[in-house]
C-alpha atoms as a PDB file:
ATOM      1  CA  UNK A   1      84.352  85.507  69.778  1.00  0.00           C
ATOM      2  CA  UNK A   2      84.198  89.073  71.186  1.00  0.00           C
ATOM      3  CA  UNK A   3      84.021  89.317  74.973  1.00  0.00           C
ATOM      4  CA  UNK A   4      82.226  92.099  76.830  1.00  0.00           C
ATOM      5  CA  UNK A   5      82.776  93.663  80.259  1.00  0.00           C
ATOM      6  CA  UNK A   6      80.079  95.893  81.764  1.00  0.00           C
ATOM      7  CA  UNK A   7      79.738  98.275  84.675  1.00  0.00           C
ATOM      8  CA  UNK A   8      76.630 100.244  85.638  1.00  0.00           C
ATOM      9  CA  UNK A   9      74.561 101.467  88.566  1.00  0.00           C
ATOM     10  CA  UNK A  10      76.081 101.865  92.012  1.00  0.00           C
ATOM     11  CA  UNK A  11      78.301 100.140  90.634  1.00  0.00           C
ATOM     12  CA  UNK A  12      77.749  96.583  89.408  1.00  0.00           C
ATOM     13  CA  UNK A  13      80.476  94.888  87.373  1.00  0.00           C
ATOM     14  CA  UNK A  14      80.685  92.020  84.909  1.00  0.00           C
ATOM     15  CA  UNK A  15      84.176  91.014  83.816  1.00  0.00           C
ATOM     16  CA  UNK A  16      85.243  90.032  80.298  1.00  0.00           C
ATOM     17  CA  UNK A  17      84.887  86.386  81.345  1.00  0.00           C
ATOM     18  CA  UNK A  18      81.363  86.814  82.691  1.00  0.00           C
ATOM     19  CA  UNK A  19      82.026  87.044  86.445  1.00  0.00           C
ATOM     20  CA  UNK A  20      79.488  89.298  88.228  1.00  0.00           C
ATOM     21  CA  UNK A  21      80.330  91.238  91.389  1.00  0.00           C
ATOM     22  CA  UNK A  22      79.868  94.529  93.247  1.00  0.00           C
ATOM     23  CA  UNK A  23      82.546  97.060  94.156  1.00  0.00           C
ATOM     24  CA  UNK A  24      81.609 100.257  95.971  1.00  0.00           C
ATOM     25  CA  UNK A  25      84.750 101.764  97.551  1.00  0.00           C
ATOM     26  CA  UNK A  26      85.053 105.454  96.542  1.00  0.00           C
ATOM     27  CA  UNK A  27      88.241 106.396  94.734  1.00  0.00           C
ATOM     28  CA  UNK A  28      90.078 106.295  91.394  1.00  0.00           C
ATOM     29  CA  UNK A  29      90.719 102.847  89.905  1.00  0.00           C
ATOM     30  CA  UNK A  30      92.030 101.001  86.872  1.00  0.00           C
ATOM     31  CA  UNK A  31      88.871  99.547  85.306  1.00  0.00           C
ATOM     32  CA  UNK A  32      90.427  97.708  82.361  1.00  0.00           C
ATOM     33  CA  UNK A  33      94.020  97.391  81.128  1.00  0.00           C
ATOM     34  CA  UNK A  34      95.477  95.946  77.954  1.00  0.00           C
ATOM     35  CA  UNK A  35      98.629  96.563  75.955  1.00  0.00           C
ATOM     36  CA  UNK A  36      96.892  99.363  74.005  1.00  0.00           C
ATOM     37  CA  UNK A  37      94.586 101.086  76.522  1.00  0.00           C
ATOM     38  CA  UNK A  38      94.207 101.852  80.219  1.00  0.00           C
ATOM     39  CA  UNK A  39      90.603 102.620  81.238  1.00  0.00           C
ATOM     40  CA  UNK A  40      90.181 104.412  84.566  1.00  0.00           C
ATOM     41  CA  UNK A  41      87.082 105.256  86.634  1.00  0.00           C
ATOM     42  CA  UNK A  42      86.295 107.573  89.518  1.00  0.00           C
ATOM     43  CA  UNK A  43      83.791 106.150  92.027  1.00  0.00           C
ATOM     44  CA  UNK A  44      82.170 108.759  94.278  1.00  0.00           C
ATOM     45  CA  UNK A  45      79.324 108.865  96.834  1.00  0.00           C
ATOM     46  CA  UNK A  46      75.873 109.686  95.476  1.00  0.00           C
ATOM     47  CA  UNK A  47      74.312 112.974  96.505  1.00  0.00           C
ATOM     48  CA  UNK A  48      72.592 112.757  99.911  1.00  0.00           C
ATOM     49  CA  UNK A  49      72.810 108.958 100.060  1.00  0.00           C
ATOM     50  CA  UNK A  50      75.468 107.572 102.383  1.00  0.00           C
ATOM     51  CA  UNK A  51      75.407 103.970 101.133  1.00  0.00           C
ATOM     52  CA  UNK A  52      75.077 104.792  97.416  1.00  0.00           C
ATOM     53  CA  UNK A  53      77.992 105.034  94.972  1.00  0.00           C
ATOM     54  CA  UNK A  54      78.234 106.152  91.351  1.00  0.00           C
ATOM     55  CA  UNK A  55      80.896 106.475  88.649  1.00  0.00           C
ATOM     56  CA  UNK A  56      81.392 110.159  87.868  1.00  0.00           C
ATOM     57  CA  UNK A  57      84.191 109.858  85.276  1.00  0.00           C
ATOM     58  CA  UNK A  58      85.674 107.392  82.795  1.00  0.00           C
ATOM     59  CA  UNK A  59      88.986 108.029  81.044  1.00  0.00           C
ATOM     60  CA  UNK A  60      90.765 106.090  78.292  1.00  0.00           C
ATOM     61  CA  UNK A  61      94.531 106.422  77.943  1.00  0.00           C
ATOM     62  CA  UNK A  62      96.441 105.163  74.904  1.00  0.00           C
ATOM     63  CA  UNK A  63     100.008 105.805  73.793  1.00  0.00           C
ATOM     64  CA  UNK A  64      98.933 108.974  71.960  1.00  0.00           C
ATOM     65  CA  UNK A  65      95.677 110.194  73.525  1.00  0.00           C
ATOM     66  CA  UNK A  66      93.667 110.591  76.719  1.00  0.00           C
ATOM     67  CA  UNK A  67      89.879 110.699  76.359  1.00  0.00           C
ATOM     68  CA  UNK A  68      87.562 111.588  79.232  1.00  0.00           C
ATOM     69  CA  UNK A  69      83.812 111.647  79.898  1.00  0.00           C
ATOM     70  CA  UNK A  70      82.829 113.085  83.275  1.00  0.00           C
ATOM     71  CA  UNK A  71      80.063 114.706  85.272  1.00  0.00           C
ATOM     72  CA  UNK A  72      81.046 118.185  86.466  1.00  0.00           C
ATOM     73  CA  UNK A  73      78.017 118.062  88.732  1.00  0.00           C
ATOM     74  CA  UNK A  74      75.043 115.721  88.905  1.00  0.00           C
ATOM     75  CA  UNK A  75      73.656 116.935  85.557  1.00  0.00           C
ATOM     76  CA  UNK A  76      76.434 118.428  83.398  1.00  0.00           C
ATOM     77  CA  UNK A  77      78.510 116.032  81.280  1.00  0.00           C
ATOM     78  CA  UNK A  78      81.851 117.123  79.796  1.00  0.00           C
ATOM     79  CA  UNK A  79      83.846 115.133  77.232  1.00  0.00           C
ATOM     80  CA  UNK A  80      87.408 115.941  76.203  1.00  0.00           C
ATOM     81  CA  UNK A  81      90.374 114.597  74.263  1.00  0.00           C
ATOM     82  CA  UNK A  82      94.015 115.295  75.031  1.00  0.00           C
ATOM     83  CA  UNK A  83      96.565 114.740  72.245  1.00  0.00           C
ATOM     84  CA  UNK A  84      99.905 113.817  73.823  1.00  0.00           C
ATOM     85  CA  UNK A  85     101.849 114.464  70.619  1.00  0.00           C
ATOM     86  CA  UNK A  86     100.720 118.079  70.185  1.00  0.00           C
ATOM     87  CA  UNK A  87     100.061 118.622  73.898  1.00  0.00           C
ATOM     88  CA  UNK A  88      96.618 120.055  73.109  1.00  0.00           C
ATOM     89  CA  UNK A  89      93.160 119.423  74.539  1.00  0.00           C
ATOM     90  CA  UNK A  90      89.731 119.819  72.956  1.00  0.00           C
ATOM     91  CA  UNK A  91      86.094 118.946  73.477  1.00  0.00           C
ATOM     92  CA  UNK A  92      84.851 115.918  71.559  1.00  0.00           C
ATOM     93  CA  UNK A  93      82.893 116.807  68.450  1.00  0.00           C
ATOM     94  CA  UNK A  94      79.200 115.884  68.793  1.00  0.00           C
ATOM     95  CA  UNK A  95      78.484 113.864  65.674  1.00  0.00           C
ATOM     96  CA  UNK A  96      77.143 110.442  64.779  1.00  0.00           C
ATOM     97  CA  UNK A  97      79.844 110.204  62.086  1.00  0.00           C
ATOM     98  CA  UNK A  98      83.149 108.575  62.945  1.00  0.00           C
ATOM     99  CA  UNK A  99      85.885 111.039  63.949  1.00  0.00           C
ATOM    100  CA  UNK A 100      89.524 109.968  64.084  1.00  0.00           C
ATOM    101  CA  UNK A 101      92.201 111.429  66.347  1.00  0.00           C
ATOM    102  CA  UNK A 102      95.662 109.869  66.555  1.00  0.00           C
ATOM    103  CA  UNK A 103      95.096 106.222  67.543  1.00  0.00           C
ATOM    104  CA  UNK A 104      91.363 106.307  68.377  1.00  0.00           C
ATOM    105  CA  UNK A 105      88.049 106.663  66.528  1.00  0.00           C
ATOM    106  CA  UNK A 106      84.814 107.833  68.127  1.00  0.00           C
ATOM    107  CA  UNK A 107      81.216 108.789  67.390  1.00  0.00           C
ATOM    108  CA  UNK A 108      78.063 109.609  69.352  1.00  0.00           C
ATOM    109  CA  UNK A 109      75.364 106.969  68.927  1.00  0.00           C
ATOM    110  CA  UNK A 110      72.969 109.230  70.864  1.00  0.00           C
ATOM    111  CA  UNK A 111      73.377 112.421  72.885  1.00  0.00           C
ATOM    112  CA  UNK A 112      74.527 110.391  75.884  1.00  0.00           C
ATOM    113  CA  UNK A 113      76.196 107.296  74.384  1.00  0.00           C
ATOM    114  CA  UNK A 114      79.767 107.617  73.096  1.00  0.00           C
ATOM    115  CA  UNK A 115      81.327 104.788  71.080  1.00  0.00           C
ATOM    116  CA  UNK A 116      85.131 104.619  71.017  1.00  0.00           C
ATOM    117  CA  UNK A 117      87.279 102.193  69.025  1.00  0.00           C
ATOM    118  CA  UNK A 118      90.974 101.659  69.644  1.00  0.00           C
ATOM    119  CA  UNK A 119      92.933 100.085  66.786  1.00  0.00           C
ATOM    120  CA  UNK A 120      89.845  98.008  65.904  1.00  0.00           C
ATOM    121  CA  UNK A 121      90.752  95.739  68.822  1.00  0.00           C
ATOM    122  CA  UNK A 122      88.754  97.167  71.730  1.00  0.00           C
ATOM    123  CA  UNK A 123      85.477  99.071  71.672  1.00  0.00           C
ATOM    124  CA  UNK A 124      84.052 101.172  74.521  1.00  0.00           C
ATOM    125  CA  UNK A 125      80.451 102.310  74.756  1.00  0.00           C
ATOM    126  CA  UNK A 126      80.228 105.011  77.430  1.00  0.00           C
ATOM    127  CA  UNK A 127      76.741 105.872  78.686  1.00  0.00           C
ATOM    128  CA  UNK A 128      75.983 108.879  80.900  1.00  0.00           C
ATOM    129  CA  UNK A 129      72.614 108.821  82.648  1.00  0.00           C
ATOM    130  CA  UNK A 130      71.102 110.353  85.804  1.00  0.00           C
ATOM    131  CA  UNK A 131      74.426 111.453  87.258  1.00  0.00           C
ATOM    132  CA  UNK A 132      76.317 108.225  86.736  1.00  0.00           C
ATOM    133  CA  UNK A 133      78.414 106.690  83.946  1.00  0.00           C
ATOM    134  CA  UNK A 134      78.248 103.123  82.698  1.00  0.00           C
ATOM    135  CA  UNK A 135      80.530 101.364  80.232  1.00  0.00           C
ATOM    136  CA  UNK A 136      80.453  98.330  77.972  1.00  0.00           C
ATOM    137  CA  UNK A 137      83.923  97.154  76.922  1.00  0.00           C
ATOM    138  CA  UNK A 138      84.051  94.788  73.964  1.00  0.00           C
ATOM    139  CA  UNK A 139      87.297  92.954  73.246  1.00  0.00           C
ATOM    140  CA  UNK A 140      87.142  92.433  69.483  1.00  0.00           C
ATOM    141  CA  UNK A 141      90.655  91.022  69.111  1.00  0.00           C
ATOM    142  CA  UNK A 142      92.821  89.866  72.001  1.00  0.00           C
ATOM    143  CA  UNK A 143      96.597  89.635  71.872  1.00  0.00           C
ATOM    144  CA  UNK A 144      97.354  89.686  75.616  1.00  0.00           C
ATOM    145  CA  UNK A 145      95.692  88.950  78.944  1.00  0.00           C
ATOM    146  CA  UNK A 146      93.647  91.885  80.207  1.00  0.00           C
ATOM    147  CA  UNK A 147      93.814  93.250  83.748  1.00  0.00           C
ATOM    148  CA  UNK A 148      91.999  95.824  85.904  1.00  0.00           C
ATOM    149  CA  UNK A 149      88.749  95.498  87.844  1.00  0.00           C
ATOM    150  CA  UNK A 150      86.948  94.007  84.797  1.00  0.00           C
ATOM    151  CA  UNK A 151      89.971  92.289  83.261  1.00  0.00           C
ATOM    152  CA  UNK A 152      90.597  88.624  82.663  1.00  0.00           C
ATOM    153  CA  UNK A 153      93.263  88.238  85.363  1.00  0.00           C
ATOM    154  CA  UNK A 154      91.085  89.554  88.174  1.00  0.00           C
ATOM    155  CA  UNK A 155      87.971  87.654  87.158  1.00  0.00           C
ATOM    156  CA  UNK A 156      90.008  84.442  87.186  1.00  0.00           C
ATOM    157  CA  UNK A 157      91.030  85.180  90.780  1.00  0.00           C
ATOM    158  CA  UNK A 158      87.454  85.965  91.863  1.00  0.00           C
ATOM    159  CA  UNK A 159      86.186  82.770  90.265  1.00  0.00           C
ATOM    160  CA  UNK A 160      88.967  80.699  91.872  1.00  0.00           C
ATOM    161  CA  UNK A 161      88.397  82.175  95.325  1.00  0.00           C
ATOM    162  CA  UNK A 162      84.661  81.686  94.946  1.00  0.00           C
ATOM    163  CA  UNK A 163      85.148  78.018  94.091  1.00  0.00           C
ATOM    164  CA  UNK A 164      87.411  77.531  97.114  1.00  0.00           C
ATOM    165  CA  UNK A 165      84.865  79.227  99.356  1.00  0.00           C
ATOM    166  CA  UNK A 166      82.068  77.063  97.971  1.00  0.00           C
ATOM    167  CA  UNK A 167      84.129  73.895  98.499  1.00  0.00           C
ATOM    168  CA  UNK A 168      84.857  74.878 102.097  1.00  0.00           C
ATOM    169  CA  UNK A 169      81.172  75.491 102.775  1.00  0.00           C
ATOM    170  CA  UNK A 170      80.317  72.073 101.392  1.00  0.00           C
ATOM    171  CA  UNK A 171      82.897  70.482 103.661  1.00  0.00           C
ATOM    172  CA  UNK A 172      82.053  72.409 106.839  1.00  0.00           C
ATOM    173  CA  UNK A 173      78.572  73.821 107.422  1.00  0.00           C
ATOM    174  CA  UNK A 174      79.072  77.164 109.121  1.00  0.00           C
ATOM    175  CA  UNK A 175      75.715  78.797 109.763  1.00  0.00           C
ATOM    176  CA  UNK A 176      77.157  81.435 112.095  1.00  0.00           C
ATOM    177  CA  UNK A 177      78.816  83.465 109.334  1.00  0.00           C
ATOM    178  CA  UNK A 178      76.514  86.266 108.193  1.00  0.00           C
ATOM    179  CA  UNK A 179      79.089  88.039 106.012  1.00  0.00           C
ATOM    180  CA  UNK A 180      77.723  89.396 102.737  1.00  0.00           C
ATOM    181  CA  UNK A 181      78.596  87.047  99.882  1.00  0.00           C
ATOM    182  CA  UNK A 182      79.079  87.605  96.182  1.00  0.00           C
ATOM    183  CA  UNK A 183      80.246  85.396  93.296  1.00  0.00           C
ATOM    184  CA  UNK A 184      79.932  81.756  94.449  1.00  0.00           C
ATOM    185  CA  UNK A 185      80.173  82.604  98.148  1.00  0.00           C
ATOM    186  CA  UNK A 186      83.201  84.918  98.015  1.00  0.00           C
ATOM    187  CA  UNK A 187      82.830  87.607 100.689  1.00  0.00           C
ATOM    188  CA  UNK A 188      82.254  91.197  99.635  1.00  0.00           C
ATOM    189  CA  UNK A 189      84.878  92.368 102.138  1.00  0.00           C
ATOM    190  CA  UNK A 190      87.522  90.206 100.447  1.00  0.00           C
ATOM    191  CA  UNK A 191      86.667  91.602  97.012  1.00  0.00           C
ATOM    192  CA  UNK A 192      86.767  95.190  98.304  1.00  0.00           C
ATOM    193  CA  UNK A 193      90.170  94.732  99.960  1.00  0.00           C
ATOM    194  CA  UNK A 194      91.668  92.981  96.945  1.00  0.00           C
ATOM    195  CA  UNK A 195      90.496  95.535  94.357  1.00  0.00           C
ATOM    196  CA  UNK A 196      91.468  98.549  96.478  1.00  0.00           C
ATOM    197  CA  UNK A 197      94.948  97.124  97.002  1.00  0.00           C
ATOM    198  CA  UNK A 198      95.537  96.171  93.386  1.00  0.00           C
ATOM    199  CA  UNK A 199      93.821  98.884  91.373  1.00  0.00           C
ATOM    200  CA  UNK A 200      93.809 102.169  93.280  1.00  0.00           C
ATOM    201  CA  UNK A 201      95.413 104.730  90.942  1.00  0.00           C
ATOM    202  CA  UNK A 202      98.646 106.401  91.971  1.00  0.00           C
ATOM    203  CA  UNK A 203      98.871 110.107  91.210  1.00  0.00           C
ATOM    204  CA  UNK A 204     101.668 109.542  88.671  1.00  0.00           C
ATOM    205  CA  UNK A 205      99.437 107.145  86.686  1.00  0.00           C
ATOM    206  CA  UNK A 206      96.255 109.230  86.815  1.00  0.00           C
ATOM    207  CA  UNK A 207      94.555 110.217  83.528  1.00  0.00           C
ATOM    208  CA  UNK A 208      91.234 111.295  85.088  1.00  0.00           C
ATOM    209  CA  UNK A 209      90.493 114.990  84.632  1.00  0.00           C
ATOM    210  CA  UNK A 210      88.464 115.524  87.823  1.00  0.00           C
ATOM    211  CA  UNK A 211      90.558 117.652  90.166  1.00  0.00           C
ATOM    212  CA  UNK A 212      92.424 115.602  92.781  1.00  0.00           C
ATOM    213  CA  UNK A 213      90.785 112.428  91.442  1.00  0.00           C
ATOM    214  CA  UNK A 214      93.622 110.106  92.479  1.00  0.00           C
ATOM    215  CA  UNK A 215      93.532 111.277  96.113  1.00  0.00           C
ATOM    216  CA  UNK A 216      89.957 112.426  96.680  1.00  0.00           C
ATOM    217  CA  UNK A 217      88.810 109.345  98.604  1.00  0.00           C
ATOM    218  CA  UNK A 218      90.402 106.864 100.949  1.00  0.00           C
ATOM    219  CA  UNK A 219      88.942 103.778  99.275  1.00  0.00           C
ATOM    220  CA  UNK A 220      86.515 103.149 102.140  1.00  0.00           C
END
């Protein structure tokens, strides 16, 4: 059965195993990793809103290609494909017919929804709307455990920690703790710290095309 991970808004996440949570620390992160693709995102502050966050770029890196969809500003969307073999870059062709480059296939379902398939194992639907980017990641065939913010490994940890937190609350009633909670009582601060530590992108691993993406924000 295919499994789907989703991220949207400012930003909200659902992992491939159905765990829902929020993550709002600005910076460049690994969104989803498998043996055939590394999906990265850049989370930035919204314009004129201190507490708001948005995803301004999504990139997909395979063994042969790097594909990117990004906002240059709050309105202009740019999509590009870099071929590692020929060391050339080009803008994605705007067509609703499938195009094939190296190890990926893509097509535009609408003017702002890009569908990308990688080896018929993983499908990405990338939606750009009102200055932010959302993704739906469908695992069609799975041959290894996925990682990243929306991967299987991390969602298992969030679920486990949430269960432990819920058990503790059942054992000891603590009404003095006003910390923001997320999945099954897990604190938001714990999720933020964990994901920043594990999935912040190092400059050497960066495939995002936004200038200085891997060191633009502190993760706070």
